Amino acid sequence: MDRTTQVIRYCRDWNTRARNSHIAMLVIKAVVTTIPARKLAKADGVPELLAGITPYSERHFSRLDNLITGSYLLDYTLF
């Protein structure tokens, strides 16, 4: 479980920058779908790491949502 914790730490660090956030979320998805939630919850430090990833992920998703909304406005304007 130590390697998994280290990978989640790397993802937390990668997720702080917008250009790396996509790969960080893909790795987090792979970890969460592969390892049972009970095992992750019992691992030392993993719940805190996942809680630290949440605010940045919300910001990235909000930014992407704004970009998509802006692209709809552009489509409406051009067509």
Protein backbone atom coordinates (compact mmCIF):
# COMPACT_ATOMS: atom_id res chain seq x y z
CA MET A 1 0.00 0.00 0.00
CA ASP A 2 3.02 2.30 0.36
CA ARG A 3 3.44 2.53 -3.40
CA THR A 4 -0.22 3.37 -3.85
CA THR A 5 0.06 6.13 -1.26
CA GLN A 6 3.11 7.51 -3.06
CA VAL A 7 1.27 7.46 -6.40
CA ILE A 8 -1.64 9.35 -4.83
CA ARG A 9 0.84 11.88 -3.43
CA TYR A 10 2.23 12.39 -6.92
CA CYS A 11 -1.30 12.84 -8.25
CA ARG A 12 -2.02 15.42 -5.58
CA ASP A 13 1.05 17.37 -6.69
CA TRP A 14 0.26 16.96 -10.39
CA ASN A 15 -3.31 18.09 -9.84
CA THR A 16 -2.18 21.52 -8.63
CA ARG A 17 -1.33 22.50 -12.23
CA ALA A 18 -3.93 22.63 -14.98
CA ARG A 19 -1.76 20.99 -17.63
CA ASN A 20 -1.17 17.90 -15.47
CA SER A 21 -4.62 17.62 -13.94
CA HIS A 22 -6.05 15.33 -16.62
CA ILE A 23 -3.41 12.61 -16.17
CA ALA A 24 -3.65 12.96 -12.39
CA MET A 25 -7.40 12.37 -12.51
CA LEU A 26 -6.96 9.36 -14.80
CA VAL A 27 -4.48 7.80 -12.37
CA ILE A 28 -6.76 8.56 -9.39
CA LYS A 29 -9.66 6.96 -11.25
CA ALA A 30 -7.56 3.86 -11.90
CA VAL A 31 -6.55 3.62 -8.24
CA VAL A 32 -10.07 4.16 -6.91
CA THR A 33 -11.67 1.66 -9.29
CA THR A 34 -8.99 -0.98 -8.72
CA ILE A 35 -8.56 -0.87 -4.94
CA PRO A 36 -11.62 -1.32 -2.71
CA ALA A 37 -12.74 1.80 -0.83
CA ARG A 38 -12.43 0.12 2.56
CA LYS A 39 -8.79 -0.69 1.91
CA LEU A 40 -8.09 2.87 0.76
CA ALA A 41 -9.84 4.31 3.81
CA LYS A 42 -7.70 2.21 6.14
CA ALA A 43 -4.42 3.15 4.44
CA ASP A 44 -2.29 5.63 6.32
CA GLY A 45 -2.75 9.15 4.92
CA VAL A 46 -4.82 8.26 1.85
CA PRO A 47 -8.12 9.88 2.98
CA GLU A 48 -6.26 13.14 3.70
CA LEU A 49 -4.54 13.01 0.30
CA LEU A 50 -7.82 12.45 -1.49
CA ALA A 51 -9.40 15.30 0.47
CA GLY A 52 -6.52 17.52 -0.67
CA ILE A 53 -7.13 16.63 -4.30
CA THR A 54 -10.81 17.63 -4.19
CA PRO A 55 -10.53 21.47 -4.16
CA TYR A 56 -8.15 21.56 -7.11
CA SER A 57 -10.29 19.10 -9.06
CA GLU A 58 -13.35 21.26 -8.49
CA ARG A 59 -11.46 24.28 -9.83
CA HIS A 60 -10.31 22.39 -12.91
CA PHE A 61 -13.81 21.08 -13.63
CA SER A 62 -15.24 24.57 -13.18
CA ARG A 63 -12.64 25.98 -15.58
CA LEU A 64 -13.43 23.31 -18.16
CA ASP A 65 -17.16 23.92 -17.76
CA ASN A 66 -16.62 27.63 -18.42
CA LEU A 67 -14.58 26.81 -21.54
CA ILE A 68 -17.32 24.53 -22.85
CA THR A 69 -19.99 27.15 -22.13
CA GLY A 70 -17.90 29.74 -23.96
CA SER A 71 -17.54 27.44 -26.94
CA TYR A 72 -21.34 27.13 -27.16
CA LEU A 73 -21.59 30.91 -27.25
CA LEU A 74 -19.02 30.97 -30.05
CA ASP A 75 -20.97 28.31 -31.98
CA TYR A 76 -24.16 30.31 -31.55
CA THR A 77 -22.44 33.50 -32.74
CA LEU A 78 -20.83 31.94 -35.81
CA PHE A 79 -23.74 29.79 -36.97
